Every structure is written in C-alpha cells, then in structure tokens.
Amino acid sequence: MSIGENIKTVRKDQGLTQKELAQKANISRSYLADIENGRYNPSIEVLQSIASSLGISAQKFFKDNLTENDNIDQLEDDLKLILSKIKKISKSDREKLLKMIDIFEEETHK
C-alpha cells in the first residue's frame, strides 16, 4: 500500500472524514484528498502532522500492510516500559533477566 492509502485506511478505521482529519492536521481537505489518492507526496512535516493528528507514529504509513502482526508502535511502547522497569532493578537481577531472555529465545528457535 502507498503512504496515501495507508493514511486513508487509518483515517477510516478511526471514523474520521477527510475534513475532520485535515482540520486536525492543519491542512486543506483537498490537499489531504490528493495525498490519499497518490497525486501528491506529503512533506515530512505534513506527514508528521497527519500522524500526530491520528495519534500514531508516522512510521506506520510506510508499512506495506497495516494489518501486519508486528505493530511497530506497540513494540516501541513495550520496549520503553521494559527499559523503565529494568532501570529500577539491581545489576545481578538484570543479569538473571538476560539469562531468562536467552532461555526464551532458545525455546523459540527449537
């Protein structure tokens, strides 16, 4: 899928009209329609504004298939949470945790 098609998919999934999203992103409805239909490629700034208005990462627009299981946004959120928790435990506990992760990884590759 193209960037424009991905924007359209997310917009519709969120139940927004072109007019509503355009207002949130501070762009014209006709420009949004042109982006969604592949007539124009948005600048990075516009793409970020659209993504922010939809509450997602702009990276999502570059995925070939928005229904992929590996949700980049969720993975980033999970990693931030894990890192915040790891910072609070002792060095010896972090070493134990790494050993546990190695065990999970070995089990996954069997």
N, C-alpha and C. Protein backbone atom coordinates (compact mmCIF):
# COMPACT_ATOMS: atom_id res chain seq x y z
N MET A 1 0.83 -1.18 0.00
CA MET A 1 0.00 0.00 0.00
C MET A 1 0.88 1.25 0.00
N SER A 2 0.39 2.30 -0.62
CA SER A 2 1.12 3.56 -0.66
C SER A 2 0.90 4.32 0.65
N ILE A 3 1.68 5.36 0.84
CA ILE A 3 1.53 6.20 2.03
C ILE A 3 0.11 6.77 2.08
N GLY A 4 -0.34 7.29 0.95
CA GLY A 4 -1.69 7.86 0.89
C GLY A 4 -2.77 6.86 1.23
N GLU A 5 -2.63 5.64 0.70
CA GLU A 5 -3.61 4.59 1.00
C GLU A 5 -3.59 4.23 2.48
N ASN A 6 -2.39 4.22 3.07
CA ASN A 6 -2.28 3.92 4.49
C ASN A 6 -2.92 5.01 5.34
N ILE A 7 -2.72 6.26 4.94
CA ILE A 7 -3.35 7.37 5.67
C ILE A 7 -4.87 7.21 5.61
N LYS A 8 -5.37 6.93 4.42
CA LYS A 8 -6.82 6.76 4.24
C LYS A 8 -7.35 5.61 5.10
N THR A 9 -6.63 4.50 5.12
CA THR A 9 -7.05 3.34 5.92
C THR A 9 -7.14 3.68 7.39
N VAL A 10 -6.10 4.33 7.93
CA VAL A 10 -6.09 4.68 9.35
C VAL A 10 -7.19 5.69 9.64
N ARG A 11 -7.36 6.68 8.76
CA ARG A 11 -8.40 7.69 8.94
C ARG A 11 -9.77 7.04 9.03
N LYS A 12 -10.05 6.15 8.09
CA LYS A 12 -11.35 5.48 8.08
C LYS A 12 -11.52 4.56 9.29
N ASP A 13 -10.44 3.87 9.68
CA ASP A 13 -10.50 3.00 10.86
C ASP A 13 -10.87 3.79 12.11
N GLN A 14 -10.46 5.05 12.14
CA GLN A 14 -10.75 5.91 13.29
C GLN A 14 -12.06 6.66 13.13
N GLY A 15 -12.75 6.41 12.03
CA GLY A 15 -14.06 7.02 11.82
C GLY A 15 -14.02 8.50 11.51
N LEU A 16 -12.92 8.97 10.95
CA LEU A 16 -12.78 10.39 10.62
C LEU A 16 -13.07 10.65 9.16
N THR A 17 -13.64 11.79 8.86
CA THR A 17 -13.80 12.23 7.47
C THR A 17 -12.50 12.93 7.05
N GLN A 18 -12.36 13.15 5.76
CA GLN A 18 -11.20 13.90 5.28
C GLN A 18 -11.20 15.30 5.90
N LYS A 19 -12.36 15.90 5.96
CA LYS A 19 -12.46 17.26 6.51
C LYS A 19 -12.00 17.30 7.97
N GLU A 20 -12.42 16.32 8.76
CA GLU A 20 -12.04 16.28 10.18
C GLU A 20 -10.54 16.10 10.35
N LEU A 21 -9.97 15.16 9.60
CA LEU A 21 -8.53 14.93 9.71
C LEU A 21 -7.75 16.14 9.21
N ALA A 22 -8.19 16.72 8.11
CA ALA A 22 -7.49 17.89 7.56
C ALA A 22 -7.48 19.03 8.58
N GLN A 23 -8.60 19.24 9.25
CA GLN A 23 -8.66 20.29 10.27
C GLN A 23 -7.69 20.00 11.41
N LYS A 24 -7.67 18.75 11.87
CA LYS A 24 -6.76 18.37 12.96
C LYS A 24 -5.29 18.55 12.56
N ALA A 25 -4.98 18.22 11.30
CA ALA A 25 -3.60 18.28 10.82
C ALA A 25 -3.23 19.66 10.29
N ASN A 26 -4.20 20.57 10.28
CA ASN A 26 -3.98 21.93 9.80
C ASN A 26 -3.55 21.98 8.33
N ILE A 27 -4.24 21.17 7.50
CA ILE A 27 -4.05 21.20 6.06
C ILE A 27 -5.42 21.27 5.40
N SER A 28 -5.44 21.55 4.10
CA SER A 28 -6.75 21.63 3.44
C SER A 28 -7.27 20.23 3.13
N ARG A 29 -8.60 20.12 3.07
CA ARG A 29 -9.21 18.83 2.76
C ARG A 29 -8.81 18.37 1.37
N SER A 30 -8.72 19.29 0.41
CA SER A 30 -8.35 18.90 -0.95
C SER A 30 -6.91 18.39 -1.01
N TYR A 31 -6.02 18.99 -0.22
CA TYR A 31 -4.64 18.51 -0.18
C TYR A 31 -4.58 17.10 0.41
N LEU A 32 -5.35 16.87 1.48
CA LEU A 32 -5.41 15.53 2.07
C LEU A 32 -5.94 14.52 1.05
N ALA A 33 -6.98 14.90 0.31
CA ALA A 33 -7.53 14.01 -0.72
C ALA A 33 -6.47 13.69 -1.77
N ASP A 34 -5.71 14.70 -2.17
CA ASP A 34 -4.64 14.49 -3.16
C ASP A 34 -3.57 13.54 -2.62
N ILE A 35 -3.24 13.66 -1.35
CA ILE A 35 -2.26 12.76 -0.73
C ILE A 35 -2.81 11.35 -0.70
N GLU A 36 -4.05 11.19 -0.22
CA GLU A 36 -4.65 9.86 -0.12
C GLU A 36 -4.79 9.19 -1.49
N ASN A 37 -5.00 9.97 -2.52
CA ASN A 37 -5.17 9.41 -3.87
C ASN A 37 -3.86 9.33 -4.66
N GLY A 38 -2.74 9.64 -4.00
CA GLY A 38 -1.44 9.48 -4.63
C GLY A 38 -1.06 10.56 -5.62
N ARG A 39 -1.80 11.66 -5.65
CA ARG A 39 -1.47 12.73 -6.58
C ARG A 39 -0.32 13.59 -6.06
N TYR A 40 -0.18 13.68 -4.72
CA TYR A 40 0.91 14.43 -4.10
C TYR A 40 1.56 13.59 -3.02
N ASN A 41 2.85 13.79 -2.84
CA ASN A 41 3.56 13.18 -1.73
C ASN A 41 3.74 14.25 -0.65
N PRO A 42 3.33 13.96 0.57
CA PRO A 42 3.44 14.96 1.63
C PRO A 42 4.88 15.15 2.08
N SER A 43 5.17 16.35 2.57
CA SER A 43 6.48 16.59 3.18
C SER A 43 6.54 15.83 4.51
N ILE A 44 7.72 15.71 5.05
CA ILE A 44 7.89 15.04 6.34
C ILE A 44 7.07 15.77 7.41
N GLU A 45 7.07 17.10 7.35
CA GLU A 45 6.33 17.89 8.34
C GLU A 45 4.83 17.60 8.26
N VAL A 46 4.30 17.56 7.03
CA VAL A 46 2.87 17.29 6.86
C VAL A 46 2.56 15.86 7.30
N LEU A 47 3.42 14.92 6.93
CA LEU A 47 3.21 13.53 7.32
C LEU A 47 3.20 13.39 8.84
N GLN A 48 4.11 14.10 9.50
CA GLN A 48 4.16 14.06 10.97
C GLN A 48 2.91 14.68 11.56
N SER A 49 2.43 15.75 10.96
CA SER A 49 1.22 16.41 11.46
C SER A 49 0.01 15.49 11.32
N ILE A 50 -0.09 14.79 10.19
CA ILE A 50 -1.19 13.85 9.99
C ILE A 50 -1.11 12.71 11.00
N ALA A 51 0.10 12.15 11.15
CA ALA A 51 0.29 11.05 12.10
C ALA A 51 -0.06 11.47 13.51
N SER A 52 0.42 12.65 13.90
CA SER A 52 0.13 13.16 15.25
C SER A 52 -1.37 13.35 15.44
N SER A 53 -2.05 13.84 14.42
CA SER A 53 -3.50 14.04 14.48
C SER A 53 -4.25 12.72 14.63
N LEU A 54 -3.65 11.65 14.11
CA LEU A 54 -4.26 10.32 14.21
C LEU A 54 -3.79 9.56 15.45
N GLY A 55 -2.83 10.14 16.17
CA GLY A 55 -2.32 9.51 17.39
C GLY A 55 -1.44 8.30 17.13
N ILE A 56 -0.72 8.31 16.00
CA ILE A 56 0.16 7.19 15.66
C ILE A 56 1.52 7.72 15.24
N SER A 57 2.45 6.80 15.05
CA SER A 57 3.76 7.14 14.55
C SER A 57 3.72 7.26 13.03
N ALA A 58 4.44 8.21 12.48
CA ALA A 58 4.49 8.38 11.02
C ALA A 58 5.08 7.14 10.35
N GLN A 59 5.87 6.36 11.08
CA GLN A 59 6.45 5.13 10.52
C GLN A 59 5.38 4.18 10.02
N LYS A 60 4.24 4.21 10.64
CA LYS A 60 3.17 3.29 10.29
C LYS A 60 2.73 3.48 8.83
N PHE A 61 2.82 4.69 8.32
CA PHE A 61 2.40 4.96 6.95
C PHE A 61 3.29 4.29 5.91
N PHE A 62 4.49 3.87 6.31
CA PHE A 62 5.42 3.27 5.37
C PHE A 62 5.32 1.75 5.31
N LYS A 63 4.45 1.17 6.12
CA LYS A 63 4.28 -0.27 6.11
C LYS A 63 3.52 -0.70 4.86
N ASP A 64 3.89 -1.84 4.32
CA ASP A 64 3.21 -2.36 3.14
C ASP A 64 1.80 -2.82 3.46
N ASN A 65 1.62 -3.30 4.67
CA ASN A 65 0.31 -3.84 5.05
C ASN A 65 0.03 -3.43 6.48
N LEU A 66 -0.94 -2.59 6.69
CA LEU A 66 -1.23 -2.08 8.02
C LEU A 66 -1.76 -3.13 8.98
N THR A 67 -2.12 -4.31 8.49
CA THR A 67 -2.65 -5.34 9.38
C THR A 67 -1.56 -6.33 9.80
N GLU A 68 -0.28 -6.00 9.55
CA GLU A 68 0.80 -6.89 9.96
C GLU A 68 0.76 -7.08 11.47
N ASN A 69 1.20 -8.25 11.90
CA ASN A 69 1.20 -8.56 13.34
C ASN A 69 2.25 -7.79 14.11
N ASP A 70 3.34 -7.42 13.47
CA ASP A 70 4.43 -6.75 14.18
C ASP A 70 4.18 -5.25 14.21
N ASN A 71 3.34 -4.83 15.12
CA ASN A 71 2.97 -3.43 15.26
C ASN A 71 4.14 -2.66 15.84
N ILE A 72 4.76 -1.83 15.01
CA ILE A 72 5.94 -1.09 15.41
C ILE A 72 5.65 -0.19 16.61
N ASP A 73 4.52 0.48 16.59
CA ASP A 73 4.19 1.38 17.69
C ASP A 73 4.08 0.63 19.00
N GLN A 74 3.43 -0.53 19.00
CA GLN A 74 3.27 -1.31 20.22
C GLN A 74 4.61 -1.83 20.71
N LEU A 75 5.46 -2.26 19.78
CA LEU A 75 6.79 -2.74 20.16
C LEU A 75 7.59 -1.64 20.83
N GLU A 76 7.55 -0.43 20.27
CA GLU A 76 8.26 0.69 20.87
C GLU A 76 7.75 0.98 22.27
N ASP A 77 6.43 0.95 22.45
CA ASP A 77 5.84 1.19 23.77
C ASP A 77 6.27 0.11 24.76
N ASP A 78 6.26 -1.14 24.31
CA ASP A 78 6.68 -2.26 25.17
C ASP A 78 8.14 -2.10 25.58
N LEU A 79 8.99 -1.73 24.64
CA LEU A 79 10.42 -1.58 24.95
C LEU A 79 10.65 -0.44 25.94
N LYS A 80 9.92 0.64 25.81
CA LYS A 80 10.05 1.76 26.77
C LYS A 80 9.65 1.31 28.16
N LEU A 81 8.57 0.55 28.26
CA LEU A 81 8.10 0.06 29.55
C LEU A 81 9.13 -0.89 30.16
N ILE A 82 9.63 -1.81 29.35
CA ILE A 82 10.63 -2.77 29.84
C ILE A 82 11.88 -2.04 30.32
N LEU A 83 12.35 -1.07 29.54
CA LEU A 83 13.55 -0.32 29.92
C LEU A 83 13.34 0.43 31.23
N SER A 84 12.18 1.05 31.40
CA SER A 84 11.93 1.78 32.64
C SER A 84 11.95 0.85 33.85
N LYS A 85 11.46 -0.37 33.67
CA LYS A 85 11.47 -1.33 34.78
C LYS A 85 12.87 -1.89 35.04
N ILE A 86 13.61 -2.13 33.97
CA ILE A 86 14.97 -2.67 34.11
C ILE A 86 15.87 -1.69 34.85
N LYS A 87 15.67 -0.40 34.62
CA LYS A 87 16.49 0.62 35.29
C LYS A 87 16.34 0.58 36.80
N LYS A 88 15.25 0.01 37.29
CA LYS A 88 14.94 0.01 38.72
C LYS A 88 15.48 -1.22 39.45
N ILE A 89 16.02 -2.20 38.73
CA ILE A 89 16.47 -3.42 39.41
C ILE A 89 18.00 -3.46 39.47
N SER A 90 18.50 -4.31 40.33
CA SER A 90 19.94 -4.40 40.56
C SER A 90 20.65 -5.03 39.36
N LYS A 91 21.98 -4.84 39.35
CA LYS A 91 22.78 -5.40 38.26
C LYS A 91 22.68 -6.92 38.24
N SER A 92 22.70 -7.56 39.38
CA SER A 92 22.61 -9.02 39.41
C SER A 92 21.25 -9.50 38.91
N ASP A 93 20.21 -8.76 39.23
CA ASP A 93 18.88 -9.13 38.72
C ASP A 93 18.78 -8.90 37.21
N ARG A 94 19.46 -7.86 36.71
CA ARG A 94 19.48 -7.65 35.25
C ARG A 94 20.18 -8.80 34.55
N GLU A 95 21.25 -9.30 35.15
CA GLU A 95 21.96 -10.44 34.57
C GLU A 95 21.07 -11.68 34.54
N LYS A 96 20.31 -11.90 35.62
CA LYS A 96 19.36 -13.02 35.65
C LYS A 96 18.30 -12.86 34.57
N LEU A 97 17.83 -11.64 34.41
CA LEU A 97 16.82 -11.37 33.40
C LEU A 97 17.34 -11.67 32.00
N LEU A 98 18.58 -11.29 31.74
CA LEU A 98 19.18 -11.58 30.42
C LEU A 98 19.29 -13.08 30.19
N LYS A 99 19.61 -13.84 31.23
CA LYS A 99 19.67 -15.29 31.10
C LYS A 99 18.29 -15.86 30.79
N MET A 100 17.27 -15.30 31.43
CA MET A 100 15.90 -15.75 31.16
C MET A 100 15.51 -15.45 29.72
N ILE A 101 15.89 -14.30 29.23
CA ILE A 101 15.59 -13.95 27.84
C ILE A 101 16.29 -14.91 26.89
N ASP A 102 17.53 -15.26 27.21
CA ASP A 102 18.26 -16.24 26.38
C ASP A 102 17.51 -17.57 26.34
N ILE A 103 16.97 -17.99 27.47
CA ILE A 103 16.22 -19.25 27.53
C ILE A 103 14.98 -19.17 26.65
N PHE A 104 14.23 -18.06 26.74
CA PHE A 104 13.05 -17.87 25.89
C PHE A 104 13.43 -17.89 24.42
N GLU A 105 14.54 -17.25 24.10
CA GLU A 105 14.98 -17.20 22.71
C GLU A 105 15.34 -18.59 22.20
N GLU A 106 16.02 -19.38 23.03
CA GLU A 106 16.38 -20.75 22.64
C GLU A 106 15.12 -21.58 22.41
N GLU A 107 14.14 -21.44 23.30
CA GLU A 107 12.88 -22.18 23.16
C GLU A 107 12.14 -21.81 21.89
N THR A 108 12.23 -20.56 21.50
CA THR A 108 11.54 -20.07 20.30
C THR A 108 12.15 -20.67 19.04
N HIS A 109 13.45 -20.91 19.07
CA HIS A 109 14.15 -21.40 17.87
C HIS A 109 14.22 -22.93 17.79
N LYS A 110 13.58 -23.63 18.69
CA LYS A 110 13.59 -25.10 18.65
C LYS A 110 12.62 -25.60 17.62
